[in-house]
mmCIF file of all heavy atoms, coordinates in Angstrom:
data_MODEL
# 
_entry.id   MODEL 
# 
loop_
_atom_site.group_PDB 
_atom_site.id 
_atom_site.type_symbol 
_atom_site.label_atom_id 
_atom_site.label_alt_id 
_atom_site.label_comp_id 
_atom_site.label_asym_id 
_atom_site.label_entity_id 
_atom_site.label_seq_id 
_atom_site.pdbx_PDB_ins_code 
_atom_site.Cartn_x 
_atom_site.Cartn_y 
_atom_site.Cartn_z 
_atom_site.occupancy 
_atom_site.B_iso_or_equiv 
_atom_site.pdbx_formal_charge 
_atom_site.auth_seq_id 
_atom_site.auth_comp_id 
_atom_site.auth_asym_id 
_atom_site.auth_atom_id 
_atom_site.pdbx_PDB_model_num 
ATOM 1   N N   . THR A 1 1  ? -7.559 -15.020 -0.140 1.00 0.00 ? 1  THR A N   1 
ATOM 2   C CA  . THR A 1 1  ? -6.130 -15.093 -0.318 1.00 0.00 ? 1  THR A CA  1 
ATOM 3   C C   . THR A 1 1  ? -5.578 -13.812 -0.969 1.00 0.00 ? 1  THR A C   1 
ATOM 4   O O   . THR A 1 1  ? -6.189 -13.246 -1.872 1.00 0.00 ? 1  THR A O   1 
ATOM 5   C CB  . THR A 1 1  ? -5.754 -16.295 -1.212 1.00 0.00 ? 1  THR A CB  1 
ATOM 6   O OG1 . THR A 1 1  ? -4.347 -16.323 -1.439 1.00 0.00 ? 1  THR A OG1 1 
ATOM 7   C CG2 . THR A 1 1  ? -6.453 -16.239 -2.560 1.00 0.00 ? 1  THR A CG2 1 
ATOM 8   N N   . LEU A 1 2  ? -4.423 -13.375 -0.429 1.00 0.00 ? 2  LEU A N   1 
ATOM 9   C CA  . LEU A 1 2  ? -3.848 -12.149 -0.929 1.00 0.00 ? 2  LEU A CA  1 
ATOM 10  C C   . LEU A 1 2  ? -3.083 -12.357 -2.200 1.00 0.00 ? 2  LEU A C   1 
ATOM 11  O O   . LEU A 1 2  ? -2.637 -11.384 -2.856 1.00 0.00 ? 2  LEU A O   1 
ATOM 12  C CB  . LEU A 1 2  ? -2.896 -11.601 0.150  1.00 0.00 ? 2  LEU A CB  1 
ATOM 13  C CG  . LEU A 1 2  ? -3.503 -10.958 1.379  1.00 0.00 ? 2  LEU A CG  1 
ATOM 14  C CD1 . LEU A 1 2  ? -2.439 -10.536 2.373  1.00 0.00 ? 2  LEU A CD1 1 
ATOM 15  C CD2 . LEU A 1 2  ? -4.380 -9.805  1.065  1.00 0.00 ? 2  LEU A CD2 1 
ATOM 16  N N   . ASP A 1 3  ? -2.884 -13.602 -2.616 1.00 0.00 ? 3  ASP A N   1 
ATOM 17  C CA  . ASP A 1 3  ? -2.032 -13.920 -3.779 1.00 0.00 ? 3  ASP A CA  1 
ATOM 18  C C   . ASP A 1 3  ? -2.358 -13.125 -5.011 1.00 0.00 ? 3  ASP A C   1 
ATOM 19  O O   . ASP A 1 3  ? -1.499 -12.800 -5.815 1.00 0.00 ? 3  ASP A O   1 
ATOM 20  C CB  . ASP A 1 3  ? -2.176 -15.395 -4.121 1.00 0.00 ? 3  ASP A CB  1 
ATOM 21  C CG  . ASP A 1 3  ? -1.592 -16.316 -3.083 1.00 0.00 ? 3  ASP A CG  1 
ATOM 22  O OD1 . ASP A 1 3  ? -1.590 -15.889 -1.918 1.00 0.00 ? 3  ASP A OD1 1 
ATOM 23  O OD2 . ASP A 1 3  ? -1.206 -17.412 -3.420 1.00 0.00 ? 3  ASP A OD2 1 
ATOM 24  N N   . TYR A 1 4  ? -3.677 -12.834 -5.193 1.00 0.00 ? 4  TYR A N   1 
ATOM 25  C CA  . TYR A 1 4  ? -4.123 -12.232 -6.435 1.00 0.00 ? 4  TYR A CA  1 
ATOM 26  C C   . TYR A 1 4  ? -4.071 -10.716 -6.411 1.00 0.00 ? 4  TYR A C   1 
ATOM 27  O O   . TYR A 1 4  ? -4.440 -10.069 -7.424 1.00 0.00 ? 4  TYR A O   1 
ATOM 28  C CB  . TYR A 1 4  ? -5.527 -12.718 -6.760 1.00 0.00 ? 4  TYR A CB  1 
ATOM 29  C CG  . TYR A 1 4  ? -5.662 -14.169 -6.802 1.00 0.00 ? 4  TYR A CG  1 
ATOM 30  C CD1 . TYR A 1 4  ? -6.516 -14.845 -5.877 1.00 0.00 ? 4  TYR A CD1 1 
ATOM 31  C CD2 . TYR A 1 4  ? -4.959 -14.953 -7.676 1.00 0.00 ? 4  TYR A CD2 1 
ATOM 32  C CE1 . TYR A 1 4  ? -6.627 -16.236 -5.942 1.00 0.00 ? 4  TYR A CE1 1 
ATOM 33  C CE2 . TYR A 1 4  ? -5.067 -16.342 -7.750 1.00 0.00 ? 4  TYR A CE2 1 
ATOM 34  C CZ  . TYR A 1 4  ? -5.910 -16.967 -6.856 1.00 0.00 ? 4  TYR A CZ  1 
ATOM 35  O OH  . TYR A 1 4  ? -6.002 -18.325 -6.859 1.00 0.00 ? 4  TYR A OH  1 
ATOM 36  N N   . TYR A 1 5  ? -3.638 -10.156 -5.298 1.00 0.00 ? 5  TYR A N   1 
ATOM 37  C CA  . TYR A 1 5  ? -3.748 -8.729  -5.147 1.00 0.00 ? 5  TYR A CA  1 
ATOM 38  C C   . TYR A 1 5  ? -2.374 -8.084  -4.917 1.00 0.00 ? 5  TYR A C   1 
ATOM 39  O O   . TYR A 1 5  ? -1.544 -8.587  -4.210 1.00 0.00 ? 5  TYR A O   1 
ATOM 40  C CB  . TYR A 1 5  ? -4.638 -8.371  -3.941 1.00 0.00 ? 5  TYR A CB  1 
ATOM 41  C CG  . TYR A 1 5  ? -6.026 -8.850  -4.076 1.00 0.00 ? 5  TYR A CG  1 
ATOM 42  C CD1 . TYR A 1 5  ? -6.414 -10.095 -3.663 1.00 0.00 ? 5  TYR A CD1 1 
ATOM 43  C CD2 . TYR A 1 5  ? -6.985 -8.043  -4.717 1.00 0.00 ? 5  TYR A CD2 1 
ATOM 44  C CE1 . TYR A 1 5  ? -7.750 -10.577 -3.838 1.00 0.00 ? 5  TYR A CE1 1 
ATOM 45  C CE2 . TYR A 1 5  ? -8.288 -8.508  -4.856 1.00 0.00 ? 5  TYR A CE2 1 
ATOM 46  C CZ  . TYR A 1 5  ? -8.648 -9.742  -4.438 1.00 0.00 ? 5  TYR A CZ  1 
ATOM 47  O OH  . TYR A 1 5  ? -9.938 -10.195 -4.635 1.00 0.00 ? 5  TYR A OH  1 
ATOM 48  N N   . ALA A 1 6  ? -2.233 -6.920  -5.525 1.00 0.00 ? 6  ALA A N   1 
ATOM 49  C CA  . ALA A 1 6  ? -1.147 -6.072  -5.070 1.00 0.00 ? 6  ALA A CA  1 
ATOM 50  C C   . ALA A 1 6  ? -1.589 -5.449  -3.776 1.00 0.00 ? 6  ALA A C   1 
ATOM 51  O O   . ALA A 1 6  ? -2.773 -5.195  -3.551 1.00 0.00 ? 6  ALA A O   1 
ATOM 52  C CB  . ALA A 1 6  ? -0.886 -4.978  -6.119 1.00 0.00 ? 6  ALA A CB  1 
ATOM 53  N N   . ILE A 1 7  ? -0.599 -5.136  -2.962 1.00 0.00 ? 7  ILE A N   1 
ATOM 54  C CA  . ILE A 1 7  ? -0.912 -4.570  -1.639 1.00 0.00 ? 7  ILE A CA  1 
ATOM 55  C C   . ILE A 1 7  ? -0.131 -3.276  -1.481 1.00 0.00 ? 7  ILE A C   1 
ATOM 56  O O   . ILE A 1 7  ? 1.067  -3.233  -1.798 1.00 0.00 ? 7  ILE A O   1 
ATOM 57  C CB  . ILE A 1 7  ? -0.527 -5.546  -0.489 1.00 0.00 ? 7  ILE A CB  1 
ATOM 58  C CG1 . ILE A 1 7  ? -1.354 -6.825  -0.633 1.00 0.00 ? 7  ILE A CG1 1 
ATOM 59  C CG2 . ILE A 1 7  ? -0.817 -4.893  0.868  1.00 0.00 ? 7  ILE A CG2 1 
ATOM 60  C CD1 . ILE A 1 7  ? -2.837 -6.689  -0.444 1.00 0.00 ? 7  ILE A CD1 1 
ATOM 61  N N   . GLY A 1 8  ? -0.765 -2.297  -0.958 1.00 0.00 ? 8  GLY A N   1 
ATOM 62  C CA  . GLY A 1 8  ? -0.154 -1.037  -0.690 1.00 0.00 ? 8  GLY A CA  1 
ATOM 63  C C   . GLY A 1 8  ? -0.186 -0.670  0.791  1.00 0.00 ? 8  GLY A C   1 
ATOM 64  O O   . GLY A 1 8  ? -1.144 -0.987  1.441  1.00 0.00 ? 8  GLY A O   1 
ATOM 65  N N   . TRP A 1 9  ? 0.838  -0.004  1.237  1.00 0.00 ? 9  TRP A N   1 
ATOM 66  C CA  . TRP A 1 9  ? 0.821  0.585   2.580  1.00 0.00 ? 9  TRP A CA  1 
ATOM 67  C C   . TRP A 1 9  ? 0.719  2.104   2.412  1.00 0.00 ? 9  TRP A C   1 
ATOM 68  O O   . TRP A 1 9  ? 1.470  2.723   1.669  1.00 0.00 ? 9  TRP A O   1 
ATOM 69  C CB  . TRP A 1 9  ? 2.110  0.256   3.351  1.00 0.00 ? 9  TRP A CB  1 
ATOM 70  C CG  . TRP A 1 9  ? 2.152  -1.122  3.907  1.00 0.00 ? 9  TRP A CG  1 
ATOM 71  C CD1 . TRP A 1 9  ? 2.772  -2.214  3.391  1.00 0.00 ? 9  TRP A CD1 1 
ATOM 72  C CD2 . TRP A 1 9  ? 1.516  -1.549  5.110  1.00 0.00 ? 9  TRP A CD2 1 
ATOM 73  N NE1 . TRP A 1 9  ? 2.561  -3.324  4.208  1.00 0.00 ? 9  TRP A NE1 1 
ATOM 74  C CE2 . TRP A 1 9  ? 1.768  -2.937  5.264  1.00 0.00 ? 9  TRP A CE2 1 
ATOM 75  C CE3 . TRP A 1 9  ? 0.713  -0.948  6.084  1.00 0.00 ? 9  TRP A CE3 1 
ATOM 76  C CZ2 . TRP A 1 9  ? 1.318  -3.718  6.338  1.00 0.00 ? 9  TRP A CZ2 1 
ATOM 77  C CZ3 . TRP A 1 9  ? 0.225  -1.684  7.161  1.00 0.00 ? 9  TRP A CZ3 1 
ATOM 78  C CH2 . TRP A 1 9  ? 0.578  -3.068  7.272  1.00 0.00 ? 9  TRP A CH2 1 
ATOM 79  N N   . PHE A 1 10 ? -0.233 2.670   3.121  1.00 0.00 ? 10 PHE A N   1 
ATOM 80  C CA  . PHE A 1 10 ? -0.465 4.093   3.068  1.00 0.00 ? 10 PHE A CA  1 
ATOM 81  C C   . PHE A 1 10 ? -0.442 4.620   4.506  1.00 0.00 ? 10 PHE A C   1 
ATOM 82  O O   . PHE A 1 10 ? -0.650 3.873   5.452  1.00 0.00 ? 10 PHE A O   1 
ATOM 83  C CB  . PHE A 1 10 ? -1.845 4.392   2.455  1.00 0.00 ? 10 PHE A CB  1 
ATOM 84  C CG  . PHE A 1 10 ? -1.969 3.923   1.028  1.00 0.00 ? 10 PHE A CG  1 
ATOM 85  C CD1 . PHE A 1 10 ? -2.218 2.597   0.739  1.00 0.00 ? 10 PHE A CD1 1 
ATOM 86  C CD2 . PHE A 1 10 ? -1.827 4.829   -0.025 1.00 0.00 ? 10 PHE A CD2 1 
ATOM 87  C CE1 . PHE A 1 10 ? -2.313 2.163   -0.573 1.00 0.00 ? 10 PHE A CE1 1 
ATOM 88  C CE2 . PHE A 1 10 ? -1.933 4.423   -1.332 1.00 0.00 ? 10 PHE A CE2 1 
ATOM 89  C CZ  . PHE A 1 10 ? -2.179 3.052   -1.610 1.00 0.00 ? 10 PHE A CZ  1 
ATOM 90  N N   . ARG A 1 11 ? -0.212 5.908   4.630  1.00 0.00 ? 11 ARG A N   1 
ATOM 91  C CA  . ARG A 1 11 ? -0.247 6.500   5.991  1.00 0.00 ? 11 ARG A CA  1 
ATOM 92  C C   . ARG A 1 11 ? -0.924 7.864   5.953  1.00 0.00 ? 11 ARG A C   1 
ATOM 93  O O   . ARG A 1 11 ? -0.907 8.545   4.911  1.00 0.00 ? 11 ARG A O   1 
ATOM 94  C CB  . ARG A 1 11 ? 1.144  6.596   6.605  1.00 0.00 ? 11 ARG A CB  1 
ATOM 95  C CG  . ARG A 1 11 ? 2.081  7.621   5.909  1.00 0.00 ? 11 ARG A CG  1 
ATOM 96  C CD  . ARG A 1 11 ? 3.450  7.559   6.508  1.00 0.00 ? 11 ARG A CD  1 
ATOM 97  N NE  . ARG A 1 11 ? 4.380  8.468   5.859  1.00 0.00 ? 11 ARG A NE  1 
ATOM 98  C CZ  . ARG A 1 11 ? 5.687  8.548   6.090  1.00 0.00 ? 11 ARG A CZ  1 
ATOM 99  N NH1 . ARG A 1 11 ? 6.269  7.691   7.000  1.00 0.00 ? 11 ARG A NH1 1 
ATOM 100 N NH2 . ARG A 1 11 ? 6.452  9.442   5.493  1.00 0.00 ? 11 ARG A NH2 1 
ATOM 101 N N   . GLN A 1 12 ? -1.503 8.230   7.057  1.00 0.00 ? 12 GLN A N   1 
ATOM 102 C CA  . GLN A 1 12 ? -2.138 9.528   7.155  1.00 0.00 ? 12 GLN A CA  1 
ATOM 103 C C   . GLN A 1 12 ? -1.934 10.049  8.568  1.00 0.00 ? 12 GLN A C   1 
ATOM 104 O O   . GLN A 1 12 ? -2.336 9.432   9.540  1.00 0.00 ? 12 GLN A O   1 
ATOM 105 C CB  . GLN A 1 12 ? -3.596 9.467   6.807  1.00 0.00 ? 12 GLN A CB  1 
ATOM 106 C CG  . GLN A 1 12 ? -4.263 10.839  6.692  1.00 0.00 ? 12 GLN A CG  1 
ATOM 107 C CD  . GLN A 1 12 ? -5.594 10.833  6.005  1.00 0.00 ? 12 GLN A CD  1 
ATOM 108 O OE1 . GLN A 1 12 ? -6.277 9.821   5.960  1.00 0.00 ? 12 GLN A OE1 1 
ATOM 109 N NE2 . GLN A 1 12 ? -5.996 11.944  5.433  1.00 0.00 ? 12 GLN A NE2 1 
ATOM 110 N N   . ALA A 1 13 ? -1.315 11.189  8.634  1.00 0.00 ? 13 ALA A N   1 
ATOM 111 C CA  . ALA A 1 13 ? -1.141 11.879  9.931  1.00 0.00 ? 13 ALA A CA  1 
ATOM 112 C C   . ALA A 1 13 ? -2.248 12.939  10.055 1.00 0.00 ? 13 ALA A C   1 
ATOM 113 O O   . ALA A 1 13 ? -2.802 13.396  9.069  1.00 0.00 ? 13 ALA A O   1 
ATOM 114 C CB  . ALA A 1 13 ? 0.222  12.520  9.967  1.00 0.00 ? 13 ALA A CB  1 
ATOM 115 N N   . PRO A 1 14 ? -2.546 13.330  11.300 1.00 0.00 ? 14 PRO A N   1 
ATOM 116 C CA  . PRO A 1 14 ? -3.584 14.367  11.471 1.00 0.00 ? 14 PRO A CA  1 
ATOM 117 C C   . PRO A 1 14 ? -3.308 15.610  10.697 1.00 0.00 ? 14 PRO A C   1 
ATOM 118 O O   . PRO A 1 14 ? -2.206 16.160  10.731 1.00 0.00 ? 14 PRO A O   1 
ATOM 119 C CB  . PRO A 1 14 ? -3.520 14.623  13.002 1.00 0.00 ? 14 PRO A CB  1 
ATOM 120 C CG  . PRO A 1 14 ? -2.997 13.382  13.551 1.00 0.00 ? 14 PRO A CG  1 
ATOM 121 C CD  . PRO A 1 14 ? -1.991 12.834  12.537 1.00 0.00 ? 14 PRO A CD  1 
ATOM 122 N N   . GLY A 1 15 ? -4.297 16.059  9.941  1.00 0.00 ? 15 GLY A N   1 
ATOM 123 C CA  . GLY A 1 15 ? -4.149 17.295  9.193  1.00 0.00 ? 15 GLY A CA  1 
ATOM 124 C C   . GLY A 1 15 ? -3.353 17.156  7.888  1.00 0.00 ? 15 GLY A C   1 
ATOM 125 O O   . GLY A 1 15 ? -3.124 18.126  7.192  1.00 0.00 ? 15 GLY A O   1 
ATOM 126 N N   . GLU A 1 16 ? -2.896 15.943  7.582  1.00 0.00 ? 16 GLU A N   1 
ATOM 127 C CA  . GLU A 1 16 ? -2.122 15.738  6.407  1.00 0.00 ? 16 GLU A CA  1 
ATOM 128 C C   . GLU A 1 16 ? -2.878 14.891  5.423  1.00 0.00 ? 16 GLU A C   1 
ATOM 129 O O   . GLU A 1 16 ? -3.812 14.157  5.753  1.00 0.00 ? 16 GLU A O   1 
ATOM 130 C CB  . GLU A 1 16 ? -0.822 14.976  6.756  1.00 0.00 ? 16 GLU A CB  1 
ATOM 131 C CG  . GLU A 1 16 ? 0.068  15.673  7.775  1.00 0.00 ? 16 GLU A CG  1 
ATOM 132 C CD  . GLU A 1 16 ? 0.782  16.873  7.147  1.00 0.00 ? 16 GLU A CD  1 
ATOM 133 O OE1 . GLU A 1 16 ? 1.000  16.896  5.934  1.00 0.00 ? 16 GLU A OE1 1 
ATOM 134 O OE2 . GLU A 1 16 ? 1.088  17.826  7.925  1.00 0.00 ? 16 GLU A OE2 1 
ATOM 135 N N   . GLU A 1 17 ? -2.475 14.942  4.187  1.00 0.00 ? 17 GLU A N   1 
ATOM 136 C CA  . GLU A 1 17 ? -3.074 14.092  3.151  1.00 0.00 ? 17 GLU A CA  1 
ATOM 137 C C   . GLU A 1 17 ? -2.523 12.683  3.294  1.00 0.00 ? 17 GLU A C   1 
ATOM 138 O O   . GLU A 1 17 ? -1.401 12.464  3.769  1.00 0.00 ? 17 GLU A O   1 
ATOM 139 C CB  . GLU A 1 17 ? -2.781 14.614  1.763  1.00 0.00 ? 17 GLU A CB  1 
ATOM 140 C CG  . GLU A 1 17 ? -3.389 15.996  1.524  1.00 0.00 ? 17 GLU A CG  1 
ATOM 141 C CD  . GLU A 1 17 ? -3.729 16.239  0.045  1.00 0.00 ? 17 GLU A CD  1 
ATOM 142 O OE1 . GLU A 1 17 ? -3.293 15.434  -0.806 1.00 0.00 ? 17 GLU A OE1 1 
ATOM 143 O OE2 . GLU A 1 17 ? -4.392 17.235  -0.190 1.00 0.00 ? 17 GLU A OE2 1 
ATOM 144 N N   . ARG A 1 18 ? -3.305 11.737  2.845  1.00 0.00 ? 18 ARG A N   1 
ATOM 145 C CA  . ARG A 1 18 ? -2.809 10.342  2.835  1.00 0.00 ? 18 ARG A CA  1 
ATOM 146 C C   . ARG A 1 18 ? -1.656 10.232  1.857  1.00 0.00 ? 18 ARG A C   1 
ATOM 147 O O   . ARG A 1 18 ? -1.670 10.782  0.753  1.00 0.00 ? 18 ARG A O   1 
ATOM 148 C CB  . ARG A 1 18 ? -3.981 9.445   2.389  1.00 0.00 ? 18 ARG A CB  1 
ATOM 149 C CG  . ARG A 1 18 ? -3.621 7.946   2.414  1.00 0.00 ? 18 ARG A CG  1 
ATOM 150 C CD  . ARG A 1 18 ? -4.869 7.153   2.070  1.00 0.00 ? 18 ARG A CD  1 
ATOM 151 N NE  . ARG A 1 18 ? -5.384 7.545   0.771  1.00 0.00 ? 18 ARG A NE  1 
ATOM 152 C CZ  . ARG A 1 18 ? -6.667 7.360   0.452  1.00 0.00 ? 18 ARG A CZ  1 
ATOM 153 N NH1 . ARG A 1 18 ? -7.525 6.795   1.247  1.00 0.00 ? 18 ARG A NH1 1 
ATOM 154 N NH2 . ARG A 1 18 ? -7.118 7.779   -0.738 1.00 0.00 ? 18 ARG A NH2 1 
ATOM 155 N N   . GLU A 1 19 ? -0.712 9.419   2.232  1.00 0.00 ? 19 GLU A N   1 
ATOM 156 C CA  . GLU A 1 19 ? 0.475  9.212   1.446  1.00 0.00 ? 19 GLU A CA  1 
ATOM 157 C C   . GLU A 1 19 ? 0.707  7.742   1.142  1.00 0.00 ? 19 GLU A C   1 
ATOM 158 O O   . GLU A 1 19 ? 0.577  6.920   2.072  1.00 0.00 ? 19 GLU A O   1 
ATOM 159 C CB  . GLU A 1 19 ? 1.727  9.744   2.163  1.00 0.00 ? 19 GLU A CB  1 
ATOM 160 C CG  . GLU A 1 19 ? 3.040  9.530   1.416  1.00 0.00 ? 19 GLU A CG  1 
ATOM 161 C CD  . GLU A 1 19 ? 4.243  9.923   2.267  1.00 0.00 ? 19 GLU A CD  1 
ATOM 162 O OE1 . GLU A 1 19 ? 4.147  10.077  3.477  1.00 0.00 ? 19 GLU A OE1 1 
ATOM 163 O OE2 . GLU A 1 19 ? 5.358  10.065  1.663  1.00 0.00 ? 19 GLU A OE2 1 
ATOM 164 N N   . GLY A 1 20 ? 0.943  7.438   -0.071 1.00 0.00 ? 20 GLY A N   1 
ATOM 165 C CA  . GLY A 1 20 ? 1.280  6.050   -0.436 1.00 0.00 ? 20 GLY A CA  1 
ATOM 166 C C   . GLY A 1 20 ? 2.738  5.795   -0.072 1.00 0.00 ? 20 GLY A C   1 
ATOM 167 O O   . GLY A 1 20 ? 3.618  6.446   -0.594 1.00 0.00 ? 20 GLY A O   1 
ATOM 168 N N   . VAL A 1 21 ? 2.990  4.937   0.874  1.00 0.00 ? 21 VAL A N   1 
ATOM 169 C CA  . VAL A 1 21 ? 4.318  4.700   1.411  1.00 0.00 ? 21 VAL A CA  1 
ATOM 170 C C   . VAL A 1 21 ? 5.053  3.661   0.585  1.00 0.00 ? 21 VAL A C   1 
ATOM 171 O O   . VAL A 1 21 ? 6.199  3.878   0.164  1.00 0.00 ? 21 VAL A O   1 
ATOM 172 C CB  . VAL A 1 21 ? 4.222  4.222   2.907  1.00 0.00 ? 21 VAL A CB  1 
ATOM 173 C CG1 . VAL A 1 21 ? 5.564  3.837   3.383  1.00 0.00 ? 21 VAL A CG1 1 
ATOM 174 C CG2 . VAL A 1 21 ? 3.583  5.326   3.736  1.00 0.00 ? 21 VAL A CG2 1 
ATOM 175 N N   . SER A 1 22 ? 4.409  2.535   0.382  1.00 0.00 ? 22 SER A N   1 
ATOM 176 C CA  . SER A 1 22 ? 5.092  1.458   -0.346 1.00 0.00 ? 22 SER A CA  1 
ATOM 177 C C   . SER A 1 22 ? 4.027  0.497   -0.893 1.00 0.00 ? 22 SER A C   1 
ATOM 178 O O   . SER A 1 22 ? 3.027  0.247   -0.220 1.00 0.00 ? 22 SER A O   1 
ATOM 179 C CB  . SER A 1 22 ? 6.078  0.684   0.546  1.00 0.00 ? 22 SER A CB  1 
ATOM 180 O OG  . SER A 1 22 ? 6.762  -0.307  -0.197 1.00 0.00 ? 22 SER A OG  1 
ATOM 181 N N   . CYS A 1 23 ? 4.305  -0.067  -2.090 1.00 0.00 ? 23 CYS A N   1 
ATOM 182 C CA  . CYS A 1 23 ? 3.392  -0.984  -2.693 1.00 0.00 ? 23 CYS A CA  1 
ATOM 183 C C   . CYS A 1 23 ? 4.151  -2.174  -3.249 1.00 0.00 ? 23 CYS A C   1 
ATOM 184 O O   . CYS A 1 23 ? 5.300  -2.029  -3.693 1.00 0.00 ? 23 CYS A O   1 
ATOM 185 C CB  . CYS A 1 23 ? 2.547  -0.280  -3.769 1.00 0.00 ? 23 CYS A CB  1 
ATOM 186 S SG  . CYS A 1 23 ? 1.454  0.978   -3.135 1.00 0.00 ? 23 CYS A SG  1 
ATOM 187 N N   . ILE A 1 24 ? 3.497  -3.291  -3.341 1.00 0.00 ? 24 ILE A N   1 
ATOM 188 C CA  . ILE A 1 24 ? 4.120  -4.507  -3.827 1.00 0.00 ? 24 ILE A CA  1 
ATOM 189 C C   . ILE A 1 24 ? 3.122  -5.244  -4.728 1.00 0.00 ? 24 ILE A C   1 
ATOM 190 O O   . ILE A 1 24 ? 1.923  -5.294  -4.445 1.00 0.00 ? 24 ILE A O   1 
ATOM 191 C CB  . ILE A 1 24 ? 4.618  -5.389  -2.701 1.00 0.00 ? 24 ILE A CB  1 
ATOM 192 C CG1 . ILE A 1 24 ? 5.476  -6.556  -3.188 1.00 0.00 ? 24 ILE A CG1 1 
ATOM 193 C CG2 . ILE A 1 24 ? 3.421  -5.892  -1.810 1.00 0.00 ? 24 ILE A CG2 1 
ATOM 194 C CD1 . ILE A 1 24 ? 6.196  -7.299  -2.063 1.00 0.00 ? 24 ILE A CD1 1 
ATOM 195 N N   . SER A 1 25 ? 3.637  -5.781  -5.823 1.00 0.00 ? 25 SER A N   1 
ATOM 196 C CA  . SER A 1 25 ? 2.802  -6.480  -6.734 1.00 0.00 ? 25 SER A CA  1 
ATOM 197 C C   . SER A 1 25 ? 2.356  -7.832  -6.159 1.00 0.00 ? 25 SER A C   1 
ATOM 198 O O   . SER A 1 25 ? 2.904  -8.267  -5.162 1.00 0.00 ? 25 SER A O   1 
ATOM 199 C CB  . SER A 1 25 ? 3.531  -6.712  -8.074 1.00 0.00 ? 25 SER A CB  1 
ATOM 200 O OG  . SER A 1 25 ? 4.704  -7.517  -7.847 1.00 0.00 ? 25 SER A OG  1 
ATOM 201 N N   . SER A 1 26 ? 1.400  -8.497  -6.837 1.00 0.00 ? 26 SER A N   1 
ATOM 202 C CA  . SER A 1 26 ? 0.877  -9.739  -6.283 1.00 0.00 ? 26 SER A CA  1 
ATOM 203 C C   . SER A 1 26 ? 1.998  -10.819 -6.228 1.00 0.00 ? 26 SER A C   1 
ATOM 204 O O   . SER A 1 26 ? 1.996  -11.624 -5.291 1.00 0.00 ? 26 SER A O   1 
ATOM 205 C CB  . SER A 1 26 ? -0.273 -10.226 -7.178 1.00 0.00 ? 26 SER A CB  1 
ATOM 206 O OG  . SER A 1 26 ? 0.158  -10.390 -8.525 1.00 0.00 ? 26 SER A OG  1 
ATOM 207 N N   . SER A 1 27 ? 2.892  -10.803 -7.140 1.00 0.00 ? 27 SER A N   1 
ATOM 208 C CA  . SER A 1 27 ? 3.987  -11.796 -7.125 1.00 0.00 ? 27 SER A CA  1 
ATOM 209 C C   . SER A 1 27 ? 5.128  -11.398 -6.198 1.00 0.00 ? 27 SER A C   1 
ATOM 210 O O   . SER A 1 27 ? 5.973  -12.223 -5.881 1.00 0.00 ? 27 SER A O   1 
ATOM 211 C CB  . SER A 1 27 ? 4.525  -11.995 -8.526 1.00 0.00 ? 27 SER A CB  1 
ATOM 212 O OG  . SER A 1 27 ? 5.206  -10.818 -8.963 1.00 0.00 ? 27 SER A OG  1 
ATOM 213 N N   . GLY A 1 28 ? 5.175  -10.127 -5.821 1.00 0.00 ? 28 GLY A N   1 
ATOM 214 C CA  . GLY A 1 28 ? 6.299  -9.603  -5.082 1.00 0.00 ? 28 GLY A CA  1 
ATOM 215 C C   . GLY A 1 28 ? 7.439  -9.138  -5.905 1.00 0.00 ? 28 GLY A C   1 
ATOM 216 O O   . GLY A 1 28 ? 8.424  -8.643  -5.407 1.00 0.00 ? 28 GLY A O   1 
ATOM 217 N N   . GLY A 1 29 ? 7.325  -9.248  -7.231 1.00 0.00 ? 29 GLY A N   1 
ATOM 218 C CA  . GLY A 1 29 ? 8.364  -8.928  -8.105 1.00 0.00 ? 29 GLY A CA  1 
ATOM 219 C C   . GLY A 1 29 ? 8.584  -7.459  -8.392 1.00 0.00 ? 29 GLY A C   1 
ATOM 220 O O   . GLY A 1 29 ? 9.645  -7.022  -8.801 1.00 0.00 ? 29 GLY A O   1 
# 
C-alpha cells in the first residue's frame, strides 16, 4: 500500500540530470 509513503515524480532526459518534478506526502497534505 502506498498510504505510508511519500511519492515523488522525477524525470530524466537524454544527457540531462534527473530532476525532481513534484512530490506529495503520504497524506497528500
